[in-house]
């Protein structure tokens, strides 16, 4: 497996993986992916197996400890140093799940975030995924204010020790 930064040519594979992992109400749109590829490719990683994109992780660096719903539609370029690394999407193609790809993508993002002095990695997840993130070093910070996809989300945070 190889982990690298996203390319615009990855878009069709990203959309396939996204739609296999999320309901239409929760899935990122093509326009959202195009915006993320154009503005935050430095914090948008893909996993490849034999030159096939099999998973991804992405999210902008934000100036607050938790994700807000507006981030799902439009992102701004990342600051070079500091801030909070968010995760808007982490998904793996169905036939490649349970092989450690999601954890490898989290580790790649964490390594990059630490190198850039980010304070935390922050994300929201559904209740069924809390244990997965806790075993990856995240702490459950309670119910999020997000109403994205009309589900209950939980704030998950992993301190990195960076500073602004």
N, C-alpha and C. Protein backbone atom coordinates (compact mmCIF):
# COMPACT_ATOMS: atom_id res chain seq x y z
N UNK A 1 0.85 -1.18 0.00
CA UNK A 1 0.00 0.00 0.00
C UNK A 1 0.89 1.24 0.00
N UNK A 2 0.46 2.23 -0.74
CA UNK A 2 1.15 3.52 -0.84
C UNK A 2 0.16 4.61 -0.44
N UNK A 3 0.63 5.55 0.38
CA UNK A 3 -0.20 6.70 0.74
C UNK A 3 0.45 7.93 0.14
N UNK A 4 -0.36 8.73 -0.56
CA UNK A 4 0.14 9.92 -1.24
C UNK A 4 -0.91 11.01 -1.19
N UNK A 5 -0.51 12.23 -1.61
CA UNK A 5 -1.47 13.32 -1.71
C UNK A 5 -2.42 13.09 -2.88
N UNK A 6 -3.60 13.62 -2.76
CA UNK A 6 -4.63 13.49 -3.79
C UNK A 6 -4.21 14.18 -5.08
N UNK A 7 -4.75 13.68 -6.18
CA UNK A 7 -4.61 14.31 -7.49
C UNK A 7 -6.03 14.51 -8.05
N UNK A 8 -6.18 15.46 -8.94
CA UNK A 8 -7.50 15.71 -9.53
C UNK A 8 -8.01 14.48 -10.29
N UNK A 9 -7.11 13.69 -10.83
CA UNK A 9 -7.51 12.49 -11.57
C UNK A 9 -8.09 11.40 -10.66
N UNK A 10 -7.98 11.58 -9.34
CA UNK A 10 -8.53 10.60 -8.39
C UNK A 10 -10.03 10.77 -8.18
N UNK A 11 -10.60 11.86 -8.67
CA UNK A 11 -11.99 12.20 -8.36
C UNK A 11 -12.98 11.07 -8.60
N UNK A 12 -13.00 10.38 -9.74
CA UNK A 12 -13.99 9.31 -9.92
C UNK A 12 -13.88 8.21 -8.86
N UNK A 13 -12.67 7.80 -8.53
CA UNK A 13 -12.49 6.76 -7.50
C UNK A 13 -12.95 7.26 -6.14
N UNK A 14 -12.65 8.53 -5.83
CA UNK A 14 -13.05 9.10 -4.55
C UNK A 14 -14.57 9.10 -4.40
N UNK A 15 -15.25 9.49 -5.46
CA UNK A 15 -16.71 9.51 -5.42
C UNK A 15 -17.29 8.11 -5.25
N UNK A 16 -16.70 7.13 -5.93
CA UNK A 16 -17.17 5.74 -5.77
C UNK A 16 -17.01 5.27 -4.32
N UNK A 17 -15.86 5.54 -3.74
CA UNK A 17 -15.59 5.12 -2.35
C UNK A 17 -16.51 5.86 -1.39
N UNK A 18 -16.68 7.15 -1.59
CA UNK A 18 -17.55 7.96 -0.73
C UNK A 18 -18.98 7.42 -0.75
N UNK A 19 -19.50 7.15 -1.93
CA UNK A 19 -20.88 6.69 -2.04
C UNK A 19 -21.07 5.27 -1.54
N UNK A 20 -20.01 4.48 -1.52
CA UNK A 20 -20.10 3.14 -0.95
C UNK A 20 -20.07 3.18 0.57
N UNK A 21 -19.53 4.26 1.14
CA UNK A 21 -19.39 4.34 2.59
C UNK A 21 -20.38 5.22 3.31
N UNK A 22 -21.05 6.11 2.58
CA UNK A 22 -21.95 7.06 3.22
C UNK A 22 -23.27 7.14 2.47
N UNK A 23 -24.35 7.35 3.22
CA UNK A 23 -25.66 7.55 2.60
C UNK A 23 -25.63 8.87 1.84
N UNK A 24 -26.56 9.05 0.89
CA UNK A 24 -26.59 10.31 0.13
C UNK A 24 -26.67 11.55 1.02
N UNK A 25 -27.36 11.47 2.15
CA UNK A 25 -27.47 12.64 3.04
C UNK A 25 -26.15 12.98 3.71
N UNK A 26 -25.27 11.99 3.88
CA UNK A 26 -24.00 12.22 4.57
C UNK A 26 -22.81 12.32 3.62
N UNK A 27 -22.97 11.85 2.39
CA UNK A 27 -21.84 11.81 1.44
C UNK A 27 -21.47 13.20 0.94
N UNK A 28 -20.18 13.39 0.74
CA UNK A 28 -19.70 14.63 0.14
C UNK A 28 -20.11 14.66 -1.34
N UNK A 29 -20.39 15.83 -1.83
CA UNK A 29 -20.77 15.99 -3.22
C UNK A 29 -19.53 16.08 -4.11
N UNK A 30 -19.75 15.94 -5.41
CA UNK A 30 -18.66 16.10 -6.36
C UNK A 30 -18.05 17.50 -6.22
N UNK A 31 -18.90 18.51 -6.08
CA UNK A 31 -18.42 19.89 -5.94
C UNK A 31 -17.57 20.05 -4.67
N UNK A 32 -18.00 19.41 -3.58
CA UNK A 32 -17.22 19.49 -2.34
C UNK A 32 -15.85 18.85 -2.52
N UNK A 33 -15.80 17.69 -3.19
CA UNK A 33 -14.52 17.04 -3.45
C UNK A 33 -13.64 17.91 -4.36
N UNK A 34 -14.23 18.49 -5.38
CA UNK A 34 -13.45 19.36 -6.27
C UNK A 34 -12.85 20.53 -5.49
N UNK A 35 -13.66 21.11 -4.59
CA UNK A 35 -13.17 22.21 -3.76
C UNK A 35 -12.04 21.75 -2.85
N UNK A 36 -12.19 20.59 -2.22
CA UNK A 36 -11.14 20.09 -1.32
C UNK A 36 -9.86 19.77 -2.08
N UNK A 37 -9.98 19.16 -3.25
CA UNK A 37 -8.80 18.85 -4.05
C UNK A 37 -8.07 20.14 -4.43
N UNK A 38 -8.83 21.16 -4.79
CA UNK A 38 -8.24 22.43 -5.23
C UNK A 38 -7.64 23.23 -4.08
N UNK A 39 -8.23 23.14 -2.87
CA UNK A 39 -7.79 24.04 -1.79
C UNK A 39 -7.00 23.37 -0.67
N UNK A 40 -7.22 22.07 -0.43
CA UNK A 40 -6.53 21.44 0.70
C UNK A 40 -5.85 20.13 0.30
N UNK A 41 -5.28 20.09 -0.88
CA UNK A 41 -4.60 18.86 -1.31
C UNK A 41 -3.45 18.50 -0.38
N UNK A 42 -2.94 19.47 0.37
CA UNK A 42 -1.85 19.19 1.32
C UNK A 42 -2.31 18.38 2.52
N UNK A 43 -3.62 18.36 2.80
CA UNK A 43 -4.16 17.54 3.88
C UNK A 43 -5.25 16.60 3.36
N UNK A 44 -5.04 16.12 2.16
CA UNK A 44 -5.96 15.18 1.51
C UNK A 44 -5.09 14.04 0.99
N UNK A 45 -5.19 12.90 1.65
CA UNK A 45 -4.35 11.74 1.32
C UNK A 45 -5.20 10.60 0.76
N UNK A 46 -4.62 9.85 -0.16
CA UNK A 46 -5.26 8.65 -0.68
C UNK A 46 -4.35 7.45 -0.44
N UNK A 47 -4.98 6.30 -0.31
CA UNK A 47 -4.25 5.03 -0.20
C UNK A 47 -4.42 4.31 -1.53
N UNK A 48 -3.30 3.79 -2.04
CA UNK A 48 -3.31 3.04 -3.29
C UNK A 48 -2.82 1.62 -3.05
N UNK A 49 -3.45 0.69 -3.72
CA UNK A 49 -2.97 -0.70 -3.78
C UNK A 49 -2.89 -1.04 -5.25
N UNK A 50 -1.71 -1.38 -5.70
CA UNK A 50 -1.47 -1.69 -7.12
C UNK A 50 -2.04 -0.60 -8.03
N UNK A 51 -1.70 0.64 -7.72
CA UNK A 51 -2.11 1.83 -8.48
C UNK A 51 -3.60 2.11 -8.48
N UNK A 52 -4.36 1.44 -7.61
CA UNK A 52 -5.80 1.67 -7.49
C UNK A 52 -6.07 2.42 -6.19
N UNK A 53 -6.81 3.53 -6.27
CA UNK A 53 -7.19 4.26 -5.07
C UNK A 53 -8.22 3.43 -4.31
N UNK A 54 -7.88 3.09 -3.05
CA UNK A 54 -8.74 2.22 -2.25
C UNK A 54 -9.25 2.89 -0.97
N UNK A 55 -8.78 4.11 -0.70
CA UNK A 55 -9.24 4.82 0.48
C UNK A 55 -8.72 6.24 0.48
N UNK A 56 -9.28 7.05 1.38
CA UNK A 56 -8.85 8.44 1.47
C UNK A 56 -9.17 9.00 2.85
N UNK A 57 -8.47 10.09 3.16
CA UNK A 57 -8.75 10.90 4.34
C UNK A 57 -8.53 12.35 3.94
N UNK A 58 -9.40 13.24 4.41
CA UNK A 58 -9.24 14.64 4.07
C UNK A 58 -9.88 15.53 5.11
N UNK A 59 -9.39 16.76 5.17
CA UNK A 59 -9.98 17.77 6.04
C UNK A 59 -9.10 18.99 6.10
N UNK A 60 -9.71 20.15 6.26
CA UNK A 60 -8.94 21.39 6.36
C UNK A 60 -8.40 21.60 7.77
N UNK A 61 -7.42 22.46 7.86
CA UNK A 61 -6.95 22.94 9.15
C UNK A 61 -7.87 24.09 9.54
N UNK A 62 -8.41 24.03 10.74
CA UNK A 62 -9.39 25.03 11.18
C UNK A 62 -8.85 25.77 12.41
N UNK A 63 -9.52 26.86 12.77
CA UNK A 63 -9.06 27.69 13.89
C UNK A 63 -9.87 27.47 15.17
N UNK A 64 -10.60 26.37 15.22
CA UNK A 64 -11.41 26.04 16.39
C UNK A 64 -11.27 24.55 16.68
N UNK A 65 -11.54 24.13 17.90
CA UNK A 65 -11.29 22.73 18.25
C UNK A 65 -12.28 21.71 17.67
N UNK A 66 -13.43 22.17 17.17
CA UNK A 66 -14.42 21.22 16.64
C UNK A 66 -14.89 21.63 15.25
N UNK A 67 -15.37 20.66 14.53
CA UNK A 67 -15.86 20.85 13.16
C UNK A 67 -17.21 21.56 13.16
N UNK A 68 -17.40 22.45 12.20
CA UNK A 68 -18.69 23.09 11.99
C UNK A 68 -19.23 22.64 10.62
N UNK A 69 -20.54 22.60 10.48
CA UNK A 69 -21.16 22.06 9.28
C UNK A 69 -20.80 22.79 7.99
N UNK A 70 -20.46 24.08 8.07
CA UNK A 70 -20.13 24.83 6.85
C UNK A 70 -18.89 24.25 6.16
N UNK A 71 -18.04 23.55 6.89
CA UNK A 71 -16.82 22.98 6.31
C UNK A 71 -17.11 21.89 5.28
N UNK A 72 -18.27 21.27 5.36
CA UNK A 72 -18.58 20.18 4.44
C UNK A 72 -18.80 20.65 3.01
N UNK A 73 -19.10 21.93 2.84
CA UNK A 73 -19.36 22.45 1.50
C UNK A 73 -18.20 23.26 0.92
N UNK A 74 -17.58 24.10 1.73
CA UNK A 74 -16.49 24.95 1.24
C UNK A 74 -15.34 24.95 2.24
N UNK A 75 -14.15 24.83 1.71
CA UNK A 75 -12.96 24.88 2.55
C UNK A 75 -12.05 25.99 2.06
N UNK A 76 -11.22 26.45 2.97
CA UNK A 76 -10.24 27.49 2.67
C UNK A 76 -8.85 26.87 2.71
N UNK A 77 -7.88 27.46 2.03
CA UNK A 77 -6.51 26.93 2.09
C UNK A 77 -6.00 26.84 3.53
N UNK A 78 -5.16 25.85 3.77
CA UNK A 78 -4.63 25.62 5.11
C UNK A 78 -3.52 26.59 5.46
N UNK A 79 -3.44 26.98 6.76
CA UNK A 79 -2.27 27.73 7.20
C UNK A 79 -1.06 26.80 7.20
N UNK A 80 0.11 27.36 7.10
CA UNK A 80 1.32 26.55 7.08
C UNK A 80 1.59 25.89 8.42
N UNK A 81 1.37 26.61 9.49
CA UNK A 81 1.67 26.14 10.84
C UNK A 81 0.49 26.40 11.76
N UNK A 82 0.29 25.50 12.74
CA UNK A 82 -0.71 25.69 13.79
C UNK A 82 -2.11 25.29 13.38
N UNK A 83 -3.05 25.55 14.27
CA UNK A 83 -4.45 25.24 14.03
C UNK A 83 -4.82 23.83 14.47
N UNK A 84 -6.00 23.44 14.07
CA UNK A 84 -6.57 22.14 14.42
C UNK A 84 -6.82 21.38 13.12
N UNK A 85 -6.26 20.20 13.00
CA UNK A 85 -6.45 19.39 11.80
C UNK A 85 -7.79 18.68 11.89
N UNK A 86 -8.70 19.00 11.00
CA UNK A 86 -9.99 18.32 11.00
C UNK A 86 -9.98 17.15 10.02
N UNK A 87 -10.91 16.24 10.23
CA UNK A 87 -11.15 15.15 9.29
C UNK A 87 -12.60 15.26 8.86
N UNK A 88 -12.81 15.57 7.59
CA UNK A 88 -14.17 15.62 7.06
C UNK A 88 -14.57 14.28 6.47
N UNK A 89 -13.60 13.53 6.01
CA UNK A 89 -13.91 12.24 5.41
C UNK A 89 -12.78 11.25 5.58
N UNK A 90 -13.13 10.03 5.95
CA UNK A 90 -12.23 8.88 6.00
C UNK A 90 -13.05 7.71 5.50
N UNK A 91 -12.64 7.15 4.38
CA UNK A 91 -13.41 6.04 3.81
C UNK A 91 -12.48 5.09 3.07
N UNK A 92 -12.87 3.81 3.06
CA UNK A 92 -12.12 2.76 2.39
C UNK A 92 -13.10 1.97 1.53
N UNK A 93 -12.66 1.60 0.33
CA UNK A 93 -13.49 0.80 -0.58
C UNK A 93 -13.91 -0.49 0.12
N UNK A 94 -15.15 -0.92 -0.07
CA UNK A 94 -15.66 -2.10 0.64
C UNK A 94 -14.75 -3.34 0.57
N UNK A 95 -14.19 -3.64 -0.58
CA UNK A 95 -13.38 -4.85 -0.70
C UNK A 95 -12.00 -4.72 -0.05
N UNK A 96 -11.67 -3.54 0.47
CA UNK A 96 -10.37 -3.33 1.11
C UNK A 96 -10.49 -3.00 2.60
N UNK A 97 -11.70 -3.11 3.14
CA UNK A 97 -11.90 -2.81 4.56
C UNK A 97 -11.32 -3.93 5.43
N UNK A 98 -11.11 -3.62 6.68
CA UNK A 98 -10.57 -4.57 7.67
C UNK A 98 -9.14 -5.01 7.34
N UNK A 99 -8.39 -4.14 6.67
CA UNK A 99 -7.01 -4.45 6.32
C UNK A 99 -6.03 -3.40 6.86
N UNK A 100 -6.51 -2.51 7.73
CA UNK A 100 -5.64 -1.51 8.34
C UNK A 100 -5.45 -0.25 7.52
N UNK A 101 -6.19 -0.11 6.43
CA UNK A 101 -6.02 1.06 5.56
C UNK A 101 -6.50 2.34 6.25
N UNK A 102 -7.64 2.29 6.92
CA UNK A 102 -8.14 3.49 7.61
C UNK A 102 -7.15 3.95 8.68
N UNK A 103 -6.60 3.01 9.43
CA UNK A 103 -5.61 3.37 10.46
C UNK A 103 -4.35 3.95 9.84
N UNK A 104 -3.92 3.39 8.71
CA UNK A 104 -2.73 3.91 8.04
C UNK A 104 -2.97 5.33 7.54
N UNK A 105 -4.16 5.61 7.04
CA UNK A 105 -4.50 6.95 6.60
C UNK A 105 -4.53 7.93 7.78
N UNK A 106 -5.10 7.50 8.90
CA UNK A 106 -5.10 8.34 10.11
C UNK A 106 -3.67 8.65 10.54
N UNK A 107 -2.81 7.64 10.52
CA UNK A 107 -1.40 7.84 10.91
C UNK A 107 -0.69 8.81 9.98
N UNK A 108 -0.95 8.71 8.68
CA UNK A 108 -0.33 9.62 7.71
C UNK A 108 -0.77 11.06 7.98
N UNK A 109 -2.05 11.26 8.25
CA UNK A 109 -2.55 12.60 8.54
C UNK A 109 -1.97 13.11 9.86
N UNK A 110 -1.89 12.24 10.86
CA UNK A 110 -1.32 12.62 12.14
C UNK A 110 0.15 13.04 12.01
N UNK A 111 0.91 12.28 11.25
CA UNK A 111 2.32 12.61 11.04
C UNK A 111 2.46 13.98 10.39
N UNK A 112 1.65 14.23 9.37
CA UNK A 112 1.68 15.52 8.68
C UNK A 112 1.24 16.65 9.62
N UNK A 113 0.17 16.42 10.37
CA UNK A 113 -0.34 17.44 11.29
C UNK A 113 0.69 17.77 12.37
N UNK A 114 1.34 16.76 12.90
CA UNK A 114 2.37 16.99 13.92
C UNK A 114 3.53 17.80 13.35
N UNK A 115 3.93 17.48 12.13
CA UNK A 115 5.04 18.19 11.49
C UNK A 115 4.73 19.66 11.25
N UNK A 116 3.43 19.99 11.19
CA UNK A 116 3.01 21.38 10.95
C UNK A 116 2.47 22.06 12.21
N UNK A 117 2.76 21.51 13.37
CA UNK A 117 2.41 22.16 14.63
C UNK A 117 0.94 22.26 14.93
N UNK A 118 0.15 21.33 14.40
CA UNK A 118 -1.29 21.35 14.70
C UNK A 118 -1.51 20.95 16.16
N UNK A 119 -2.55 21.50 16.79
CA UNK A 119 -2.81 21.21 18.20
C UNK A 119 -3.49 19.86 18.40
N UNK A 120 -4.44 19.56 17.52
CA UNK A 120 -5.19 18.30 17.64
C UNK A 120 -5.58 17.82 16.25
N UNK A 121 -6.07 16.59 16.21
CA UNK A 121 -6.87 16.13 15.08
C UNK A 121 -8.29 16.06 15.64
N UNK A 122 -9.23 16.63 14.93
CA UNK A 122 -10.61 16.67 15.38
C UNK A 122 -11.53 16.14 14.28
N UNK A 123 -12.52 15.38 14.68
CA UNK A 123 -13.48 14.84 13.72
C UNK A 123 -14.79 14.56 14.42
N UNK A 124 -15.80 14.28 13.63
CA UNK A 124 -17.06 13.82 14.18
C UNK A 124 -17.32 12.43 13.62
N UNK A 125 -17.98 11.61 14.44
CA UNK A 125 -18.33 10.26 13.97
C UNK A 125 -19.67 9.86 14.58
N UNK A 126 -20.25 8.85 13.99
CA UNK A 126 -21.47 8.28 14.54
C UNK A 126 -21.11 7.39 15.73
N UNK A 127 -22.07 7.14 16.58
CA UNK A 127 -21.84 6.37 17.81
C UNK A 127 -21.17 5.02 17.54
N UNK A 128 -21.54 4.36 16.45
CA UNK A 128 -21.00 3.03 16.14
C UNK A 128 -19.49 3.04 15.88
N UNK A 129 -18.91 4.22 15.61
CA UNK A 129 -17.48 4.31 15.31
C UNK A 129 -16.64 4.86 16.46
N UNK A 130 -17.26 5.19 17.57
CA UNK A 130 -16.52 5.76 18.69
C UNK A 130 -15.39 4.84 19.13
N UNK A 131 -15.66 3.57 19.31
CA UNK A 131 -14.63 2.63 19.76
C UNK A 131 -13.47 2.56 18.79
N UNK A 132 -13.74 2.56 17.49
CA UNK A 132 -12.66 2.55 16.49
C UNK A 132 -11.72 3.73 16.71
N UNK A 133 -12.28 4.91 16.86
CA UNK A 133 -11.45 6.10 17.04
C UNK A 133 -10.77 6.11 18.41
N UNK A 134 -11.44 5.62 19.44
CA UNK A 134 -10.80 5.55 20.75
C UNK A 134 -9.57 4.63 20.70
N UNK A 135 -9.66 3.53 19.99
CA UNK A 135 -8.50 2.63 19.89
C UNK A 135 -7.38 3.25 19.05
N UNK A 136 -7.70 4.32 18.32
CA UNK A 136 -6.68 5.04 17.55
C UNK A 136 -6.15 6.25 18.33
N UNK A 137 -6.53 6.36 19.60
CA UNK A 137 -6.01 7.43 20.44
C UNK A 137 -6.87 8.66 20.59
N UNK A 138 -8.08 8.62 20.06
CA UNK A 138 -8.98 9.76 20.17
C UNK A 138 -9.80 9.67 21.46
N UNK A 139 -10.24 10.83 21.94
CA UNK A 139 -11.11 10.93 23.11
C UNK A 139 -12.47 11.42 22.66
N UNK A 140 -13.51 10.83 23.21
CA UNK A 140 -14.87 11.26 22.92
C UNK A 140 -15.16 12.52 23.73
N UNK A 141 -15.38 13.63 23.03
CA UNK A 141 -15.66 14.91 23.68
C UNK A 141 -17.15 15.22 23.73
N UNK A 142 -17.99 14.22 23.48
CA UNK A 142 -19.43 14.39 23.61
C UNK A 142 -20.14 14.66 22.29
N UNK A 143 -21.43 14.86 22.40
CA UNK A 143 -22.28 15.07 21.22
C UNK A 143 -21.91 16.39 20.56
N UNK A 144 -21.77 16.33 19.24
CA UNK A 144 -21.42 17.51 18.44
C UNK A 144 -22.66 18.34 18.14
N UNK A 145 -22.44 19.59 17.78
CA UNK A 145 -23.56 20.45 17.39
C UNK A 145 -23.97 20.20 15.94
N UNK A 146 -23.20 19.42 15.20
CA UNK A 146 -23.47 19.16 13.79
C UNK A 146 -24.83 18.50 13.57
N UNK A 147 -25.48 18.95 12.50
CA UNK A 147 -26.73 18.32 12.06
C UNK A 147 -26.56 17.72 10.67
N UNK A 148 -25.31 17.64 10.20
CA UNK A 148 -25.00 17.12 8.87
C UNK A 148 -25.60 15.72 8.69
N UNK A 149 -26.37 15.53 7.64
CA UNK A 149 -26.96 14.23 7.36
C UNK A 149 -28.07 13.82 8.30
N UNK A 150 -28.48 14.73 9.17
CA UNK A 150 -29.59 14.49 10.10
C UNK A 150 -29.34 13.31 11.04
N UNK A 151 -28.09 13.15 11.50
CA UNK A 151 -27.76 12.10 12.46
C UNK A 151 -27.07 12.72 13.67
N UNK A 152 -26.93 11.95 14.74
CA UNK A 152 -26.21 12.40 15.92
C UNK A 152 -24.73 12.10 15.73
N UNK A 153 -23.92 13.13 15.85
CA UNK A 153 -22.47 13.01 15.70
C UNK A 153 -21.80 13.23 17.04
N UNK A 154 -20.62 12.64 17.19
CA UNK A 154 -19.82 12.81 18.39
C UNK A 154 -18.48 13.44 18.03
N UNK A 155 -18.06 14.42 18.84
CA UNK A 155 -16.75 15.05 18.66
C UNK A 155 -15.68 14.10 19.18
N UNK A 156 -14.70 13.81 18.35
CA UNK A 156 -13.56 12.98 18.72
C UNK A 156 -12.30 13.81 18.53
N UNK A 157 -11.43 13.80 19.53
CA UNK A 157 -10.25 14.66 19.52
C UNK A 157 -9.01 13.86 19.90
N UNK A 158 -7.93 14.12 19.17
CA UNK A 158 -6.63 13.52 19.52
C UNK A 158 -5.61 14.64 19.64
N UNK A 159 -5.11 14.89 20.87
CA UNK A 159 -4.10 15.94 21.06
C UNK A 159 -2.79 15.59 20.35
N UNK A 160 -2.16 16.62 19.80
CA UNK A 160 -0.87 16.43 19.13
C UNK A 160 0.25 17.21 19.79
N UNK A 161 -0.10 18.20 20.60
CA UNK A 161 0.93 18.96 21.29
C UNK A 161 1.47 20.16 20.53
N UNK A 162 0.89 20.46 19.37
CA UNK A 162 1.33 21.63 18.63
C UNK A 162 0.87 22.91 19.27
N UNK A 163 1.35 24.02 18.78
CA UNK A 163 0.90 25.31 19.29
C UNK A 163 0.78 26.30 18.14
N UNK A 164 -0.05 27.28 18.35
CA UNK A 164 -0.26 28.31 17.33
C UNK A 164 0.87 29.28 17.31
